[in-house]
């Protein structure tokens, strides 16, 4: 994606962002000289089984509002409609429906949790030292489906790990090799790089990248101010 693209923007519907409307992000993006903005709010699941995301009843409004803004700002700013979502194998038909019925431009794989073989989710695990491996398995399985174009903050799966070790290195290699072979892009998350949270950006992950691996920057914005700050940081990194 081009350096003038603002990628990975959330909306108030995710329940942990500012109350600013989508058009406020768009107006700021134009002011910042962007040529494209990609909205990827946290997707709902049927029945609303998970927290910190829009509800399933809000999905039609999300799409309708952004489609209207697409038309309003045509020729001024390219607007893409997407969703950030975890890969859970039992919802595979739902992901396909998001692409087909809802005509999503992009599904961003944000593996905040995964389904374990025993039917539990990783957020129910007591063995926190095994979480990264489980999240990586879910991430790799998601990439292999061909349903996702980008993986959000892949290095964030190591958030509970204090010190980089050989196991983390091996897991990282598997993820990067899968991304390279499937053509899925990996996101360097600006918010995480700025260390607004502890241990979510791991520079070691980004070493020894396969030749075919494609990297993009994502602002991961939950407010207009955060989008502006992160996009300015992105432009500085791109110009180096």
C-alpha atoms as a PDB file:
ATOM      1  CA  UNK A   1       0.000   0.000   0.000  1.00  0.00           C
ATOM      2  CA  UNK A   2       1.181   3.497  -0.805  1.00  0.00           C
ATOM      3  CA  UNK A   3       2.913   5.691   1.722  1.00  0.00           C
ATOM      4  CA  UNK A   4      -0.013   8.150   1.513  1.00  0.00           C
ATOM      5  CA  UNK A   5      -2.473   5.496   2.685  1.00  0.00           C
ATOM      6  CA  UNK A   6      -3.897   5.687   6.199  1.00  0.00           C
ATOM      7  CA  UNK A   7      -4.492   2.048   7.030  1.00  0.00           C
ATOM      8  CA  UNK A   8      -6.242   0.501  10.050  1.00  0.00           C
ATOM      9  CA  UNK A   9      -8.768   3.023  11.383  1.00  0.00           C
ATOM     10  CA  UNK A  10     -11.452   2.204  13.956  1.00  0.00           C
ATOM     11  CA  UNK A  11     -14.776   3.818  14.752  1.00  0.00           C
ATOM     12  CA  UNK A  12     -16.725   4.556  17.917  1.00  0.00           C
ATOM     13  CA  UNK A  13     -18.684   1.344  17.389  1.00  0.00           C
ATOM     14  CA  UNK A  14     -15.830  -0.783  18.741  1.00  0.00           C
ATOM     15  CA  UNK A  15     -16.644   0.503  22.265  1.00  0.00           C
ATOM     16  CA  UNK A  16     -13.038   1.502  23.054  1.00  0.00           C
ATOM     17  CA  UNK A  17     -12.505   4.412  20.661  1.00  0.00           C
ATOM     18  CA  UNK A  18     -13.426   8.088  20.752  1.00  0.00           C
ATOM     19  CA  UNK A  19     -16.950   9.137  19.810  1.00  0.00           C
ATOM     20  CA  UNK A  20     -15.791  10.949  16.660  1.00  0.00           C
ATOM     21  CA  UNK A  21     -17.700  10.129  13.490  1.00  0.00           C
ATOM     22  CA  UNK A  22     -16.115   8.581  10.394  1.00  0.00           C
ATOM     23  CA  UNK A  23     -16.336  11.827   8.452  1.00  0.00           C
ATOM     24  CA  UNK A  24     -14.089  13.530  11.015  1.00  0.00           C
ATOM     25  CA  UNK A  25     -11.355  10.998  10.256  1.00  0.00           C
ATOM     26  CA  UNK A  26     -11.873  11.553   6.547  1.00  0.00           C
ATOM     27  CA  UNK A  27     -11.599  15.336   6.785  1.00  0.00           C
ATOM     28  CA  UNK A  28      -8.391  15.036   8.802  1.00  0.00           C
ATOM     29  CA  UNK A  29      -6.982  12.497   6.332  1.00  0.00           C
ATOM     30  CA  UNK A  30      -7.523  14.975   3.491  1.00  0.00           C
ATOM     31  CA  UNK A  31      -5.889  17.721   5.543  1.00  0.00           C
ATOM     32  CA  UNK A  32      -2.891  15.437   6.125  1.00  0.00           C
ATOM     33  CA  UNK A  33      -2.436  14.854   2.397  1.00  0.00           C
ATOM     34  CA  UNK A  34      -3.503  11.203   2.383  1.00  0.00           C
ATOM     35  CA  UNK A  35      -4.845   9.702  -0.829  1.00  0.00           C
ATOM     36  CA  UNK A  36      -6.543   6.691   0.760  1.00  0.00           C
ATOM     37  CA  UNK A  37      -8.048   5.752   4.116  1.00  0.00           C
ATOM     38  CA  UNK A  38      -8.899   2.191   5.115  1.00  0.00           C
ATOM     39  CA  UNK A  39     -11.455   1.676   7.888  1.00  0.00           C
ATOM     40  CA  UNK A  40     -11.085  -1.632   9.711  1.00  0.00           C
ATOM     41  CA  UNK A  41     -13.273  -1.496  12.780  1.00  0.00           C
ATOM     42  CA  UNK A  42     -13.435  -4.525  15.077  1.00  0.00           C
ATOM     43  CA  UNK A  43     -15.943  -6.846  13.448  1.00  0.00           C
ATOM     44  CA  UNK A  44     -18.955  -8.301  15.183  1.00  0.00           C
ATOM     45  CA  UNK A  45     -19.679 -12.009  15.312  1.00  0.00           C
ATOM     46  CA  UNK A  46     -23.192 -13.457  14.970  1.00  0.00           C
ATOM     47  CA  UNK A  47     -24.808 -13.559  18.388  1.00  0.00           C
ATOM     48  CA  UNK A  48     -22.278 -11.080  19.830  1.00  0.00           C
ATOM     49  CA  UNK A  49     -20.236 -13.668  21.795  1.00  0.00           C
ATOM     50  CA  UNK A  50     -17.159 -11.422  22.139  1.00  0.00           C
ATOM     51  CA  UNK A  51     -16.535  -8.014  23.710  1.00  0.00           C
ATOM     52  CA  UNK A  52     -14.748  -4.814  22.565  1.00  0.00           C
ATOM     53  CA  UNK A  53     -16.287  -4.609  19.099  1.00  0.00           C
ATOM     54  CA  UNK A  54     -19.368  -3.401  17.295  1.00  0.00           C
ATOM     55  CA  UNK A  55     -22.539  -5.429  17.743  1.00  0.00           C
ATOM     56  CA  UNK A  56     -23.928  -7.414  14.858  1.00  0.00           C
ATOM     57  CA  UNK A  57     -26.886  -5.019  14.573  1.00  0.00           C
ATOM     58  CA  UNK A  58     -24.458  -2.128  13.944  1.00  0.00           C
ATOM     59  CA  UNK A  59     -22.845  -3.746  10.909  1.00  0.00           C
ATOM     60  CA  UNK A  60     -25.421  -2.492   8.360  1.00  0.00           C
ATOM     61  CA  UNK A  61     -25.064   1.089   9.599  1.00  0.00           C
ATOM     62  CA  UNK A  62     -21.267   0.876   9.505  1.00  0.00           C
ATOM     63  CA  UNK A  63     -21.344  -0.208   5.873  1.00  0.00           C
ATOM     64  CA  UNK A  64     -24.072   2.239   4.844  1.00  0.00           C
ATOM     65  CA  UNK A  65     -22.346   5.233   6.426  1.00  0.00           C
ATOM     66  CA  UNK A  66     -19.000   4.454   4.799  1.00  0.00           C
ATOM     67  CA  UNK A  67     -20.557   3.736   1.413  1.00  0.00           C
ATOM     68  CA  UNK A  68     -22.221   7.133   1.555  1.00  0.00           C
ATOM     69  CA  UNK A  69     -18.922   8.790   2.431  1.00  0.00           C
ATOM     70  CA  UNK A  70     -17.224   6.909  -0.405  1.00  0.00           C
ATOM     71  CA  UNK A  71     -19.617   8.569  -2.833  1.00  0.00           C
ATOM     72  CA  UNK A  72     -19.400  11.981  -1.175  1.00  0.00           C
ATOM     73  CA  UNK A  73     -15.602  12.112  -1.312  1.00  0.00           C
ATOM     74  CA  UNK A  74     -15.098  10.322  -4.639  1.00  0.00           C
ATOM     75  CA  UNK A  75     -12.216  11.928  -6.522  1.00  0.00           C
ATOM     76  CA  UNK A  76     -10.921  13.561  -3.334  1.00  0.00           C
ATOM     77  CA  UNK A  77     -10.041  10.620  -1.076  1.00  0.00           C
ATOM     78  CA  UNK A  78     -10.282   6.894  -1.750  1.00  0.00           C
ATOM     79  CA  UNK A  79     -12.199   5.233   1.091  1.00  0.00           C
ATOM     80  CA  UNK A  80     -12.005   1.497   1.716  1.00  0.00           C
ATOM     81  CA  UNK A  81     -14.408  -0.417   3.956  1.00  0.00           C
ATOM     82  CA  UNK A  82     -12.950  -3.262   5.986  1.00  0.00           C
ATOM     83  CA  UNK A  83     -13.116  -5.100   9.270  1.00  0.00           C
ATOM     84  CA  UNK A  84     -10.523  -6.350  11.728  1.00  0.00           C
ATOM     85  CA  UNK A  85     -11.448  -9.803  12.961  1.00  0.00           C
ATOM     86  CA  UNK A  86     -10.030 -12.915  14.595  1.00  0.00           C
ATOM     87  CA  UNK A  87      -9.921 -16.214  12.739  1.00  0.00           C
ATOM     88  CA  UNK A  88     -12.111 -18.863  14.347  1.00  0.00           C
ATOM     89  CA  UNK A  89     -12.560 -21.907  12.053  1.00  0.00           C
ATOM     90  CA  UNK A  90     -16.236 -22.390  12.947  1.00  0.00           C
ATOM     91  CA  UNK A  91     -17.043 -18.951  11.490  1.00  0.00           C
ATOM     92  CA  UNK A  92     -15.515 -19.530   8.072  1.00  0.00           C
ATOM     93  CA  UNK A  93     -18.837 -19.135   6.229  1.00  0.00           C
ATOM     94  CA  UNK A  94     -19.397 -15.849   8.057  1.00  0.00           C
ATOM     95  CA  UNK A  95     -16.063 -14.459   6.843  1.00  0.00           C
ATOM     96  CA  UNK A  96     -17.005 -15.386   3.304  1.00  0.00           C
ATOM     97  CA  UNK A  97     -20.342 -13.622   3.756  1.00  0.00           C
ATOM     98  CA  UNK A  98     -18.569 -10.474   4.916  1.00  0.00           C
ATOM     99  CA  UNK A  99     -16.664 -10.474   1.645  1.00  0.00           C
ATOM    100  CA  UNK A 100     -19.578 -11.472  -0.587  1.00  0.00           C
ATOM    101  CA  UNK A 101     -22.821 -10.200   0.975  1.00  0.00           C
ATOM    102  CA  UNK A 102     -21.339  -7.140   2.674  1.00  0.00           C
ATOM    103  CA  UNK A 103     -18.795  -6.466  -0.063  1.00  0.00           C
ATOM    104  CA  UNK A 104     -15.904  -5.740   2.284  1.00  0.00           C
ATOM    105  CA  UNK A 105     -12.803  -4.340   0.599  1.00  0.00           C
ATOM    106  CA  UNK A 106     -10.559  -6.006   3.141  1.00  0.00           C
ATOM    107  CA  UNK A 107     -10.589  -8.398   6.079  1.00  0.00           C
ATOM    108  CA  UNK A 108      -7.755  -7.609   8.468  1.00  0.00           C
ATOM    109  CA  UNK A 109      -6.730 -10.629  10.535  1.00  0.00           C
ATOM    110  CA  UNK A 110      -6.288  -9.395  14.104  1.00  0.00           C
ATOM    111  CA  UNK A 111      -5.693 -12.539  16.142  1.00  0.00           C
ATOM    112  CA  UNK A 112      -6.428 -11.279  19.665  1.00  0.00           C
ATOM    113  CA  UNK A 113      -7.693 -14.743  20.595  1.00  0.00           C
ATOM    114  CA  UNK A 114      -7.877 -18.199  19.025  1.00  0.00           C
ATOM    115  CA  UNK A 115      -9.977 -21.313  19.412  1.00  0.00           C
ATOM    116  CA  UNK A 116      -8.161 -24.179  21.128  1.00  0.00           C
ATOM    117  CA  UNK A 117      -8.569 -27.860  20.180  1.00  0.00           C
ATOM    118  CA  UNK A 118     -10.481 -28.514  23.403  1.00  0.00           C
ATOM    119  CA  UNK A 119     -13.120 -25.898  22.569  1.00  0.00           C
ATOM    120  CA  UNK A 120     -11.840 -23.169  24.872  1.00  0.00           C
ATOM    121  CA  UNK A 121     -10.586 -19.815  23.678  1.00  0.00           C
ATOM    122  CA  UNK A 122      -7.109 -18.558  24.471  1.00  0.00           C
ATOM    123  CA  UNK A 123      -8.497 -15.892  26.813  1.00  0.00           C
ATOM    124  CA  UNK A 124      -9.767 -18.768  28.978  1.00  0.00           C
ATOM    125  CA  UNK A 125      -6.316 -20.362  29.267  1.00  0.00           C
ATOM    126  CA  UNK A 126      -4.562 -20.539  32.613  1.00  0.00           C
ATOM    127  CA  UNK A 127      -1.326 -21.550  30.843  1.00  0.00           C
ATOM    128  CA  UNK A 128      -0.455 -18.040  29.638  1.00  0.00           C
ATOM    129  CA  UNK A 129       2.998 -19.180  28.518  1.00  0.00           C
ATOM    130  CA  UNK A 130       1.297 -21.262  25.806  1.00  0.00           C
ATOM    131  CA  UNK A 131      -0.830 -18.411  24.473  1.00  0.00           C
ATOM    132  CA  UNK A 132       1.608 -17.199  21.793  1.00  0.00           C
ATOM    133  CA  UNK A 133       1.840 -20.640  20.200  1.00  0.00           C
ATOM    134  CA  UNK A 134      -1.943 -20.966  20.118  1.00  0.00           C
ATOM    135  CA  UNK A 135      -2.406 -17.487  18.648  1.00  0.00           C
ATOM    136  CA  UNK A 136       0.223 -18.219  16.001  1.00  0.00           C
ATOM    137  CA  UNK A 137      -1.589 -21.424  15.038  1.00  0.00           C
ATOM    138  CA  UNK A 138      -4.808 -19.463  14.564  1.00  0.00           C
ATOM    139  CA  UNK A 139      -3.044 -16.744  12.616  1.00  0.00           C
ATOM    140  CA  UNK A 140      -1.372 -19.208  10.253  1.00  0.00           C
ATOM    141  CA  UNK A 141      -4.625 -21.118   9.716  1.00  0.00           C
ATOM    142  CA  UNK A 142      -6.338 -17.820   8.905  1.00  0.00           C
ATOM    143  CA  UNK A 143      -3.714 -16.799   6.373  1.00  0.00           C
ATOM    144  CA  UNK A 144      -3.984 -20.157   4.657  1.00  0.00           C
ATOM    145  CA  UNK A 145      -7.727 -19.695   3.997  1.00  0.00           C
ATOM    146  CA  UNK A 146      -7.134 -16.866   1.519  1.00  0.00           C
ATOM    147  CA  UNK A 147      -9.857 -14.806   3.211  1.00  0.00           C
ATOM    148  CA  UNK A 148      -7.547 -12.205   4.739  1.00  0.00           C
ATOM    149  CA  UNK A 149      -5.360  -9.697   2.926  1.00  0.00           C
ATOM    150  CA  UNK A 150      -3.370  -8.369   5.904  1.00  0.00           C
ATOM    151  CA  UNK A 151      -2.406  -9.531   9.403  1.00  0.00           C
ATOM    152  CA  UNK A 152      -2.571  -6.841  12.074  1.00  0.00           C
ATOM    153  CA  UNK A 153       0.297  -6.520  14.566  1.00  0.00           C
ATOM    154  CA  UNK A 154       1.529 -10.139  14.241  1.00  0.00           C
ATOM    155  CA  UNK A 155       4.233  -9.585  16.869  1.00  0.00           C
ATOM    156  CA  UNK A 156       1.593  -8.664  19.460  1.00  0.00           C
ATOM    157  CA  UNK A 157       0.986 -12.360  20.144  1.00  0.00           C
ATOM    158  CA  UNK A 158       4.095 -12.223  22.348  1.00  0.00           C
ATOM    159  CA  UNK A 159       2.610  -9.597  24.675  1.00  0.00           C
ATOM    160  CA  UNK A 160       2.883 -11.882  27.721  1.00  0.00           C
ATOM    161  CA  UNK A 161       6.498 -12.822  27.030  1.00  0.00           C
ATOM    162  CA  UNK A 162       9.080 -10.797  28.933  1.00  0.00           C
ATOM    163  CA  UNK A 163      12.277 -11.844  27.180  1.00  0.00           C
ATOM    164  CA  UNK A 164      12.807 -12.888  23.567  1.00  0.00           C
ATOM    165  CA  UNK A 165      13.798 -16.548  23.261  1.00  0.00           C
ATOM    166  CA  UNK A 166      14.378 -19.325  20.733  1.00  0.00           C
ATOM    167  CA  UNK A 167      10.751 -20.490  20.795  1.00  0.00           C
ATOM    168  CA  UNK A 168       9.520 -17.002  19.924  1.00  0.00           C
ATOM    169  CA  UNK A 169      12.068 -16.890  17.118  1.00  0.00           C
ATOM    170  CA  UNK A 170      10.788 -20.199  15.720  1.00  0.00           C
ATOM    171  CA  UNK A 171       7.133 -19.104  15.928  1.00  0.00           C
ATOM    172  CA  UNK A 172       7.970 -15.826  14.204  1.00  0.00           C
ATOM    173  CA  UNK A 173       9.715 -17.662  11.379  1.00  0.00           C
ATOM    174  CA  UNK A 174       6.625 -19.817  10.786  1.00  0.00           C
ATOM    175  CA  UNK A 175       4.375 -16.746  10.610  1.00  0.00           C
ATOM    176  CA  UNK A 176       6.662 -14.850   8.254  1.00  0.00           C
ATOM    177  CA  UNK A 177       7.154 -17.836   5.967  1.00  0.00           C
ATOM    178  CA  UNK A 178       3.397 -18.426   5.799  1.00  0.00           C
ATOM    179  CA  UNK A 179       2.774 -14.757   4.973  1.00  0.00           C
ATOM    180  CA  UNK A 180       5.426 -14.843   2.259  1.00  0.00           C
ATOM    181  CA  UNK A 181       4.022 -18.004   0.677  1.00  0.00           C
ATOM    182  CA  UNK A 182       0.364 -16.917   0.808  1.00  0.00           C
ATOM    183  CA  UNK A 183       0.947 -13.297  -0.214  1.00  0.00           C
ATOM    184  CA  UNK A 184      -0.676 -11.943   2.940  1.00  0.00           C
ATOM    185  CA  UNK A 185       0.822  -8.654   4.136  1.00  0.00           C
ATOM    186  CA  UNK A 186       2.092  -8.200   7.692  1.00  0.00           C
ATOM    187  CA  UNK A 187       1.394  -4.936   9.478  1.00  0.00           C
ATOM    188  CA  UNK A 188       3.968  -2.924  11.400  1.00  0.00           C
ATOM    189  CA  UNK A 189       1.655  -1.285  13.891  1.00  0.00           C
ATOM    190  CA  UNK A 190       2.564   2.346  14.552  1.00  0.00           C
ATOM    191  CA  UNK A 191       0.693   2.537  17.863  1.00  0.00           C
ATOM    192  CA  UNK A 192       2.646  -0.459  19.130  1.00  0.00           C
ATOM    193  CA  UNK A 193       5.925   0.864  17.749  1.00  0.00           C
ATOM    194  CA  UNK A 194       5.426   4.053  19.756  1.00  0.00           C
ATOM    195  CA  UNK A 195       5.229   1.845  22.864  1.00  0.00           C
ATOM    196  CA  UNK A 196       1.907   3.128  24.119  1.00  0.00           C
ATOM    197  CA  UNK A 197       1.463  -0.388  25.505  1.00  0.00           C
ATOM    198  CA  UNK A 198       4.138  -2.608  27.025  1.00  0.00           C
ATOM    199  CA  UNK A 199       5.776  -5.425  25.058  1.00  0.00           C
ATOM    200  CA  UNK A 200       3.406  -5.404  22.097  1.00  0.00           C
ATOM    201  CA  UNK A 201       5.990  -4.338  19.511  1.00  0.00           C
ATOM    202  CA  UNK A 202       8.891  -6.791  19.243  1.00  0.00           C
ATOM    203  CA  UNK A 203      11.672  -5.593  16.977  1.00  0.00           C
ATOM    204  CA  UNK A 204      13.145  -9.095  16.962  1.00  0.00           C
ATOM    205  CA  UNK A 205      10.116 -10.331  15.026  1.00  0.00           C
ATOM    206  CA  UNK A 206      10.965  -8.041  12.115  1.00  0.00           C
ATOM    207  CA  UNK A 207      14.497  -9.318  11.660  1.00  0.00           C
ATOM    208  CA  UNK A 208      15.459 -11.838   8.944  1.00  0.00           C
ATOM    209  CA  UNK A 209      12.450 -11.248   6.701  1.00  0.00           C
ATOM    210  CA  UNK A 210      11.808 -13.621   3.756  1.00  0.00           C
ATOM    211  CA  UNK A 211      12.404 -12.056   0.332  1.00  0.00           C
ATOM    212  CA  UNK A 212       8.760 -12.315  -0.749  1.00  0.00           C
ATOM    213  CA  UNK A 213       7.301 -10.971   2.480  1.00  0.00           C
ATOM    214  CA  UNK A 214       5.332  -7.738   2.088  1.00  0.00           C
ATOM    215  CA  UNK A 215       5.103  -5.232   4.949  1.00  0.00           C
ATOM    216  CA  UNK A 216       2.702  -2.325   5.453  1.00  0.00           C
ATOM    217  CA  UNK A 217       2.326   0.307   8.156  1.00  0.00           C
ATOM    218  CA  UNK A 218      -0.939   0.602  10.073  1.00  0.00           C
ATOM    219  CA  UNK A 219      -1.919   3.534  12.273  1.00  0.00           C
ATOM    220  CA  UNK A 220      -4.386   1.502  14.382  1.00  0.00           C
ATOM    221  CA  UNK A 221      -6.236   4.732  15.173  1.00  0.00           C
ATOM    222  CA  UNK A 222      -8.985   4.911  17.772  1.00  0.00           C
ATOM    223  CA  UNK A 223      -9.267   8.700  17.596  1.00  0.00           C
ATOM    224  CA  UNK A 224      -8.625  11.440  15.051  1.00  0.00           C
ATOM    225  CA  UNK A 225      -5.689  12.714  17.124  1.00  0.00           C
ATOM    226  CA  UNK A 226      -4.117   9.267  17.255  1.00  0.00           C
ATOM    227  CA  UNK A 227      -4.567   8.890  13.501  1.00  0.00           C
ATOM    228  CA  UNK A 228      -2.812  12.203  12.882  1.00  0.00           C
ATOM    229  CA  UNK A 229       0.095  11.454  15.222  1.00  0.00           C
ATOM    230  CA  UNK A 230       0.613   7.946  13.880  1.00  0.00           C
ATOM    231  CA  UNK A 231       0.332   8.924  10.225  1.00  0.00           C
ATOM    232  CA  UNK A 232       2.919  11.667  10.719  1.00  0.00           C
ATOM    233  CA  UNK A 233       5.201   9.058  12.285  1.00  0.00           C
ATOM    234  CA  UNK A 234       4.498   6.706   9.369  1.00  0.00           C
ATOM    235  CA  UNK A 235       5.502   9.376   6.837  1.00  0.00           C
ATOM    236  CA  UNK A 236       8.787   9.975   8.658  1.00  0.00           C
ATOM    237  CA  UNK A 237       9.546   6.246   8.630  1.00  0.00           C
ATOM    238  CA  UNK A 238       8.648   5.936   4.948  1.00  0.00           C
ATOM    239  CA  UNK A 239      10.988   8.793   3.996  1.00  0.00           C
ATOM    240  CA  UNK A 240      14.063   7.195   5.585  1.00  0.00           C
END
